[in-house]
Amino acid sequence: MTIINMSNKQQDYDSVVRDLVAEYDEILGAVILYKQLPITDLIGILNKTETLKIADQLIEFHNSINRLPSQIGREHV
């Protein structure tokens, strides 16, 4: 499970995305997810559901990227 450290009960989105990238090593997915986040510098404390939702989006994107090469490879055969 991803643990996101919160300082002063607020954290910027850059830090949240960096923590998730460090956990899942998913830079491209995090960049795309980051573009979908609301435009603001600070957020309040993420509850467990919100943290898991962000992590699930990263994992889902990672899985879709991992499937892509095999699908492309089959089309060329």
PDB file of N, CA and C in Angstrom:
ATOM      1  N   MET A   1       0.836  -1.176   0.000  1.00  0.00           N
ATOM      2  CA  MET A   1       0.000   0.000   0.000  1.00  0.00           C
ATOM      3  C   MET A   1       0.882   1.239   0.000  1.00  0.00           C
ATOM      4  N   THR A   2       0.472   2.234  -0.733  1.00  0.00           N
ATOM      5  CA  THR A   2       1.231   3.470  -0.828  1.00  0.00           C
ATOM      6  C   THR A   2       0.954   4.343   0.381  1.00  0.00           C
ATOM      7  N   ILE A   3       2.011   4.844   0.978  1.00  0.00           N
ATOM      8  CA  ILE A   3       1.876   5.784   2.084  1.00  0.00           C
ATOM      9  C   ILE A   3       2.380   7.124   1.595  1.00  0.00           C
ATOM     10  N   ILE A   4       1.531   8.132   1.674  1.00  0.00           N
ATOM     11  CA  ILE A   4       1.913   9.467   1.241  1.00  0.00           C
ATOM     12  C   ILE A   4       2.075  10.330   2.478  1.00  0.00           C
ATOM     13  N   ASN A   5       3.281  10.846   2.670  1.00  0.00           N
ATOM     14  CA  ASN A   5       3.550  11.689   3.824  1.00  0.00           C
ATOM     15  C   ASN A   5       2.941  13.065   3.617  1.00  0.00           C
ATOM     16  N   MET A   6       2.236  13.549   4.623  1.00  0.00           N
ATOM     17  CA  MET A   6       1.617  14.859   4.531  1.00  0.00           C
ATOM     18  C   MET A   6       2.280  15.773   5.559  1.00  0.00           C
ATOM     19  N   SER A   7       2.790  16.905   5.106  1.00  0.00           N
ATOM     20  CA  SER A   7       3.378  17.858   6.030  1.00  0.00           C
ATOM     21  C   SER A   7       2.404  19.010   6.215  1.00  0.00           C
ATOM     22  N   ASN A   8       2.183  19.398   7.441  1.00  0.00           N
ATOM     23  CA  ASN A   8       1.248  20.470   7.770  1.00  0.00           C
ATOM     24  C   ASN A   8      -0.139  20.228   7.182  1.00  0.00           C
ATOM     25  N   LYS A   9      -0.528  18.978   7.057  1.00  0.00           N
ATOM     26  CA  LYS A   9      -1.842  18.571   6.568  1.00  0.00           C
ATOM     27  C   LYS A   9      -2.144  19.066   5.159  1.00  0.00           C
ATOM     28  N   GLN A  10      -1.135  19.495   4.437  1.00  0.00           N
ATOM     29  CA  GLN A  10      -1.308  19.872   3.036  1.00  0.00           C
ATOM     30  C   GLN A  10      -0.077  19.437   2.265  1.00  0.00           C
ATOM     31  N   GLN A  11      -0.281  19.129   1.020  1.00  0.00           N
ATOM     32  CA  GLN A  11       0.830  18.705   0.182  1.00  0.00           C
ATOM     33  C   GLN A  11       0.484  19.097  -1.250  1.00  0.00           C
ATOM     34  N   ASP A  12       1.483  19.473  -2.021  1.00  0.00           N
ATOM     35  CA  ASP A  12       1.185  19.838  -3.397  1.00  0.00           C
ATOM     36  C   ASP A  12       1.066  18.587  -4.262  1.00  0.00           C
ATOM     37  N   TYR A  13       0.400  18.728  -5.396  1.00  0.00           N
ATOM     38  CA  TYR A  13       0.192  17.591  -6.283  1.00  0.00           C
ATOM     39  C   TYR A  13       1.499  17.017  -6.801  1.00  0.00           C
ATOM     40  N   ASP A  14       2.499  17.870  -7.011  1.00  0.00           N
ATOM     41  CA  ASP A  14       3.792  17.367  -7.468  1.00  0.00           C
ATOM     42  C   ASP A  14       4.331  16.314  -6.509  1.00  0.00           C
ATOM     43  N   SER A  15       4.218  16.574  -5.212  1.00  0.00           N
ATOM     44  CA  SER A  15       4.715  15.624  -4.213  1.00  0.00           C
ATOM     45  C   SER A  15       3.916  14.327  -4.227  1.00  0.00           C
ATOM     46  N   VAL A  16       2.597  14.440  -4.371  1.00  0.00           N
ATOM     47  CA  VAL A  16       1.758  13.240  -4.417  1.00  0.00           C
ATOM     48  C   VAL A  16       2.154  12.376  -5.605  1.00  0.00           C
ATOM     49  N   VAL A  17       2.292  13.004  -6.772  1.00  0.00           N
ATOM     50  CA  VAL A  17       2.650  12.254  -7.975  1.00  0.00           C
ATOM     51  C   VAL A  17       4.051  11.666  -7.850  1.00  0.00           C
ATOM     52  N   ARG A  18       4.997  12.426  -7.282  1.00  0.00           N
ATOM     53  CA  ARG A  18       6.363  11.897  -7.088  1.00  0.00           C
ATOM     54  C   ARG A  18       6.344  10.672  -6.188  1.00  0.00           C
ATOM     55  N   ASP A  19       5.547  10.717  -5.107  1.00  0.00           N
ATOM     56  CA  ASP A  19       5.454   9.567  -4.204  1.00  0.00           C
ATOM     57  C   ASP A  19       4.905   8.345  -4.935  1.00  0.00           C
ATOM     58  N   LEU A  20       3.883   8.557  -5.758  1.00  0.00           N
ATOM     59  CA  LEU A  20       3.301   7.435  -6.483  1.00  0.00           C
ATOM     60  C   LEU A  20       4.252   6.905  -7.548  1.00  0.00           C
ATOM     61  N   VAL A  21       4.986   7.786  -8.198  1.00  0.00           N
ATOM     62  CA  VAL A  21       5.978   7.350  -9.182  1.00  0.00           C
ATOM     63  C   VAL A  21       7.054   6.524  -8.496  1.00  0.00           C
ATOM     64  N   ALA A  22       7.496   6.967  -7.329  1.00  0.00           N
ATOM     65  CA  ALA A  22       8.521   6.227  -6.591  1.00  0.00           C
ATOM     66  C   ALA A  22       8.011   4.836  -6.218  1.00  0.00           C
ATOM     67  N   GLU A  23       6.733   4.754  -5.867  1.00  0.00           N
ATOM     68  CA  GLU A  23       6.150   3.478  -5.465  1.00  0.00           C
ATOM     69  C   GLU A  23       5.961   2.543  -6.660  1.00  0.00           C
ATOM     70  N   TYR A  24       5.492   3.073  -7.776  1.00  0.00           N
ATOM     71  CA  TYR A  24       5.131   2.232  -8.914  1.00  0.00           C
ATOM     72  C   TYR A  24       6.054   2.376 -10.111  1.00  0.00           C
ATOM     73  N   ASP A  25       7.016   3.308 -10.042  1.00  0.00           N
ATOM     74  CA  ASP A  25       7.968   3.518 -11.134  1.00  0.00           C
ATOM     75  C   ASP A  25       7.235   3.721 -12.462  1.00  0.00           C
ATOM     76  N   GLU A  26       6.224   4.568 -12.423  1.00  0.00           N
ATOM     77  CA  GLU A  26       5.379   4.792 -13.593  1.00  0.00           C
ATOM     78  C   GLU A  26       5.366   6.274 -13.934  1.00  0.00           C
ATOM     79  N   ILE A  27       6.391   6.717 -14.628  1.00  0.00           N
ATOM     80  CA  ILE A  27       6.542   8.142 -14.905  1.00  0.00           C
ATOM     81  C   ILE A  27       5.499   8.624 -15.904  1.00  0.00           C
ATOM     82  N   LEU A  28       5.342   7.931 -17.008  1.00  0.00           N
ATOM     83  CA  LEU A  28       4.407   8.371 -18.038  1.00  0.00           C
ATOM     84  C   LEU A  28       2.975   8.394 -17.514  1.00  0.00           C
ATOM     85  N   GLY A  29       2.585   7.359 -16.800  1.00  0.00           N
ATOM     86  CA  GLY A  29       1.243   7.320 -16.214  1.00  0.00           C
ATOM     87  C   GLY A  29       1.025   8.456 -15.238  1.00  0.00           C
ATOM     88  N   ALA A  30       2.038   8.772 -14.459  1.00  0.00           N
ATOM     89  CA  ALA A  30       1.918   9.861 -13.490  1.00  0.00           C
ATOM     90  C   ALA A  30       1.784  11.205 -14.186  1.00  0.00           C
ATOM     91  N   VAL A  31       2.492  11.395 -15.278  1.00  0.00           N
ATOM     92  CA  VAL A  31       2.391  12.657 -16.017  1.00  0.00           C
ATOM     93  C   VAL A  31       0.988  12.817 -16.577  1.00  0.00           C
ATOM     94  N   ILE A  32       0.443  11.755 -17.145  1.00  0.00           N
ATOM     95  CA  ILE A  32      -0.917  11.822 -17.681  1.00  0.00           C
ATOM     96  C   ILE A  32      -1.914  12.056 -16.561  1.00  0.00           C
ATOM     97  N   LEU A  33      -1.765  11.351 -15.449  1.00  0.00           N
ATOM     98  CA  LEU A  33      -2.651  11.544 -14.312  1.00  0.00           C
ATOM     99  C   LEU A  33      -2.542  12.959 -13.781  1.00  0.00           C
ATOM    100  N   TYR A  34      -1.324  13.478 -13.707  1.00  0.00           N
ATOM    101  CA  TYR A  34      -1.096  14.828 -13.199  1.00  0.00           C
ATOM    102  C   TYR A  34      -1.877  15.850 -14.020  1.00  0.00           C
ATOM    103  N   LYS A  35      -1.951  15.642 -15.325  1.00  0.00           N
ATOM    104  CA  LYS A  35      -2.677  16.559 -16.206  1.00  0.00           C
ATOM    105  C   LYS A  35      -4.179  16.522 -15.928  1.00  0.00           C
ATOM    106  N   GLN A  36      -4.668  15.441 -15.322  1.00  0.00           N
ATOM    107  CA  GLN A  36      -6.091  15.298 -15.038  1.00  0.00           C
ATOM    108  C   GLN A  36      -6.476  15.870 -13.677  1.00  0.00           C
ATOM    109  N   LEU A  37      -5.495  16.204 -12.849  1.00  0.00           N
ATOM    110  CA  LEU A  37      -5.788  16.707 -11.512  1.00  0.00           C
ATOM    111  C   LEU A  37      -6.268  18.151 -11.577  1.00  0.00           C
ATOM    112  N   PRO A  38      -7.049  18.574 -10.601  1.00  0.00           N
ATOM    113  CA  PRO A  38      -7.508  19.969 -10.588  1.00  0.00           C
ATOM    114  C   PRO A  38      -6.331  20.939 -10.536  1.00  0.00           C
ATOM    115  N   ILE A  39      -6.520  22.121 -11.084  1.00  0.00           N
ATOM    116  CA  ILE A  39      -5.457  23.125 -11.100  1.00  0.00           C
ATOM    117  C   ILE A  39      -5.450  23.845  -9.755  1.00  0.00           C
ATOM    118  N   THR A  40      -4.504  23.494  -8.925  1.00  0.00           N
ATOM    119  CA  THR A  40      -4.316  24.119  -7.624  1.00  0.00           C
ATOM    120  C   THR A  40      -2.953  23.683  -7.102  1.00  0.00           C
ATOM    121  N   ASP A  41      -2.399  24.456  -6.208  1.00  0.00           N
ATOM    122  CA  ASP A  41      -1.081  24.110  -5.675  1.00  0.00           C
ATOM    123  C   ASP A  41      -1.161  23.194  -4.464  1.00  0.00           C
ATOM    124  N   LEU A  42      -2.209  23.335  -3.682  1.00  0.00           N
ATOM    125  CA  LEU A  42      -2.292  22.580  -2.436  1.00  0.00           C
ATOM    126  C   LEU A  42      -3.571  21.764  -2.374  1.00  0.00           C
ATOM    127  N   ILE A  43      -3.481  20.634  -1.709  1.00  0.00           N
ATOM    128  CA  ILE A  43      -4.651  19.812  -1.449  1.00  0.00           C
ATOM    129  C   ILE A  43      -4.672  19.502   0.035  1.00  0.00           C
ATOM    130  N   GLY A  44      -5.797  19.085   0.516  1.00  0.00           N
ATOM    131  CA  GLY A  44      -5.883  18.671   1.911  1.00  0.00           C
ATOM    132  C   GLY A  44      -5.362  17.252   2.052  1.00  0.00           C
ATOM    133  N   ILE A  45      -5.603  16.669   3.172  1.00  0.00           N
ATOM    134  CA  ILE A  45      -5.163  15.297   3.414  1.00  0.00           C
ATOM    135  C   ILE A  45      -5.945  14.358   2.508  1.00  0.00           C
ATOM    136  N   LEU A  46      -5.234  13.485   1.821  1.00  0.00           N
ATOM    137  CA  LEU A  46      -5.901  12.471   1.009  1.00  0.00           C
ATOM    138  C   LEU A  46      -6.373  11.358   1.926  1.00  0.00           C
ATOM    139  N   ASN A  47      -7.648  10.998   1.805  1.00  0.00           N
ATOM    140  CA  ASN A  47      -8.098   9.857   2.595  1.00  0.00           C
ATOM    141  C   ASN A  47      -7.690   8.571   1.878  1.00  0.00           C
ATOM    142  N   LYS A  48      -7.910   7.453   2.514  1.00  0.00           N
ATOM    143  CA  LYS A  48      -7.459   6.169   1.972  1.00  0.00           C
ATOM    144  C   LYS A  48      -8.073   5.901   0.601  1.00  0.00           C
ATOM    145  N   THR A  49      -9.352   6.214   0.439  1.00  0.00           N
ATOM    146  CA  THR A  49     -10.029   5.980  -0.833  1.00  0.00           C
ATOM    147  C   THR A  49      -9.418   6.806  -1.952  1.00  0.00           C
ATOM    148  N   GLU A  50      -9.129   8.071  -1.685  1.00  0.00           N
ATOM    149  CA  GLU A  50      -8.532   8.943  -2.700  1.00  0.00           C
ATOM    150  C   GLU A  50      -7.134   8.467  -3.092  1.00  0.00           C
ATOM    151  N   THR A  51      -6.351   8.087  -2.102  1.00  0.00           N
ATOM    152  CA  THR A  51      -5.001   7.590  -2.368  1.00  0.00           C
ATOM    153  C   THR A  51      -5.053   6.324  -3.217  1.00  0.00           C
ATOM    154  N   LEU A  52      -5.946   5.411  -2.865  1.00  0.00           N
ATOM    155  CA  LEU A  52      -6.073   4.166  -3.619  1.00  0.00           C
ATOM    156  C   LEU A  52      -6.587   4.417  -5.035  1.00  0.00           C
ATOM    157  N   LYS A  53      -7.472   5.398  -5.190  1.00  0.00           N
ATOM    158  CA  LYS A  53      -7.990   5.720  -6.526  1.00  0.00           C
ATOM    159  C   LYS A  53      -6.860   6.211  -7.432  1.00  0.00           C
ATOM    160  N   ILE A  54      -6.021   7.097  -6.917  1.00  0.00           N
ATOM    161  CA  ILE A  54      -4.887   7.596  -7.700  1.00  0.00           C
ATOM    162  C   ILE A  54      -3.928   6.454  -8.025  1.00  0.00           C
ATOM    163  N   ALA A  55      -3.630   5.628  -7.037  1.00  0.00           N
ATOM    164  CA  ALA A  55      -2.725   4.495  -7.259  1.00  0.00           C
ATOM    165  C   ALA A  55      -3.313   3.524  -8.280  1.00  0.00           C
ATOM    166  N   ASP A  56      -4.620   3.260  -8.187  1.00  0.00           N
ATOM    167  CA  ASP A  56      -5.266   2.361  -9.146  1.00  0.00           C
ATOM    168  C   ASP A  56      -5.194   2.904 -10.566  1.00  0.00           C
ATOM    169  N   GLN A  57      -5.342   4.226 -10.719  1.00  0.00           N
ATOM    170  CA  GLN A  57      -5.238   4.825 -12.046  1.00  0.00           C
ATOM    171  C   GLN A  57      -3.837   4.639 -12.620  1.00  0.00           C
ATOM    172  N   LEU A  58      -2.826   4.787 -11.775  1.00  0.00           N
ATOM    173  CA  LEU A  58      -1.450   4.573 -12.235  1.00  0.00           C
ATOM    174  C   LEU A  58      -1.220   3.119 -12.636  1.00  0.00           C
ATOM    175  N   ILE A  59      -1.710   2.201 -11.822  1.00  0.00           N
ATOM    176  CA  ILE A  59      -1.532   0.776 -12.112  1.00  0.00           C
ATOM    177  C   ILE A  59      -2.277   0.401 -13.390  1.00  0.00           C
ATOM    178  N   GLU A  60      -3.507   0.913 -13.544  1.00  0.00           N
ATOM    179  CA  GLU A  60      -4.290   0.622 -14.748  1.00  0.00           C
ATOM    180  C   GLU A  60      -3.574   1.129 -16.000  1.00  0.00           C
ATOM    181  N   PHE A  61      -3.029   2.329 -15.922  1.00  0.00           N
ATOM    182  CA  PHE A  61      -2.299   2.872 -17.063  1.00  0.00           C
ATOM    183  C   PHE A  61      -1.060   2.028 -17.357  1.00  0.00           C
ATOM    184  N   HIS A  62      -0.343   1.646 -16.305  1.00  0.00           N
ATOM    185  CA  HIS A  62       0.856   0.817 -16.461  1.00  0.00           C
ATOM    186  C   HIS A  62       0.505  -0.507 -17.145  1.00  0.00           C
ATOM    187  N   ASN A  63      -0.583  -1.121 -16.711  1.00  0.00           N
ATOM    188  CA  ASN A  63      -1.003  -2.388 -17.308  1.00  0.00           C
ATOM    189  C   ASN A  63      -1.393  -2.217 -18.768  1.00  0.00           C
ATOM    190  N   SER A  64      -2.049  -1.117 -19.099  1.00  0.00           N
ATOM    191  CA  SER A  64      -2.442  -0.897 -20.496  1.00  0.00           C
ATOM    192  C   SER A  64      -1.217  -0.689 -21.379  1.00  0.00           C
ATOM    193  N   ILE A  65      -0.197  -0.033 -20.864  1.00  0.00           N
ATOM    194  CA  ILE A  65       1.041   0.161 -21.625  1.00  0.00           C
ATOM    195  C   ILE A  65       1.760  -1.174 -21.803  1.00  0.00           C
ATOM    196  N   ASN A  66       1.753  -2.014 -20.779  1.00  0.00           N
ATOM    197  CA  ASN A  66       2.430  -3.313 -20.874  1.00  0.00           C
ATOM    198  C   ASN A  66       1.751  -4.241 -21.873  1.00  0.00           C
ATOM    199  N   ARG A  67       0.444  -4.085 -22.091  1.00  0.00           N
ATOM    200  CA  ARG A  67      -0.264  -4.920 -23.056  1.00  0.00           C
ATOM    201  C   ARG A  67      -0.035  -4.453 -24.483  1.00  0.00           C
ATOM    202  N   LEU A  68       0.259  -3.192 -24.656  1.00  0.00           N
ATOM    203  CA  LEU A  68       0.364  -2.607 -25.988  1.00  0.00           C
ATOM    204  C   LEU A  68       1.387  -3.295 -26.887  1.00  0.00           C
ATOM    205  N   PRO A  69       2.625  -3.533 -26.454  1.00  0.00           N
ATOM    206  CA  PRO A  69       3.600  -4.166 -27.358  1.00  0.00           C
ATOM    207  C   PRO A  69       3.164  -5.544 -27.847  1.00  0.00           C
ATOM    208  N   SER A  70       2.524  -6.331 -26.999  1.00  0.00           N
ATOM    209  CA  SER A  70       2.105  -7.664 -27.427  1.00  0.00           C
ATOM    210  C   SER A  70       1.001  -7.571 -28.475  1.00  0.00           C
ATOM    211  N   GLN A  71       0.119  -6.599 -28.353  1.00  0.00           N
ATOM    212  CA  GLN A  71      -0.940  -6.426 -29.342  1.00  0.00           C
ATOM    213  C   GLN A  71      -0.359  -5.964 -30.672  1.00  0.00           C
ATOM    214  N   ILE A  72       0.589  -5.064 -30.627  1.00  0.00           N
ATOM    215  CA  ILE A  72       1.227  -4.580 -31.849  1.00  0.00           C
ATOM    216  C   ILE A  72       2.001  -5.710 -32.509  1.00  0.00           C
ATOM    217  N   GLY A  73       2.699  -6.515 -31.709  1.00  0.00           N
ATOM    218  CA  GLY A  73       3.480  -7.621 -32.243  1.00  0.00           C
ATOM    219  C   GLY A  73       2.619  -8.627 -32.988  1.00  0.00           C
ATOM    220  N   ARG A  74       1.418  -8.897 -32.506  1.00  0.00           N
ATOM    221  CA  ARG A  74       0.524  -9.850 -33.159  1.00  0.00           C
ATOM    222  C   ARG A  74       0.022  -9.323 -34.496  1.00  0.00           C
ATOM    223  N   GLU A  75      -0.165  -8.028 -34.597  1.00  0.00           N
ATOM    224  CA  GLU A  75      -0.665  -7.448 -35.839  1.00  0.00           C
ATOM    225  C   GLU A  75       0.361  -7.569 -36.961  1.00  0.00           C
ATOM    226  N   HIS A  76       1.632  -7.574 -36.629  1.00  0.00           N
ATOM    227  CA  HIS A  76       2.683  -7.649 -37.641  1.00  0.00           C
ATOM    228  C   HIS A  76       2.900  -9.069 -38.147  1.00  0.00           C
ATOM    229  N   VAL A  77       2.419 -10.068 -37.423  1.00  0.00           N
ATOM    230  CA  VAL A  77       2.654 -11.471 -37.799  1.00  0.00           C
ATOM    231  C   VAL A  77       1.739 -11.897 -38.911  1.00  0.00           C
TER     232      VAL A  77
END
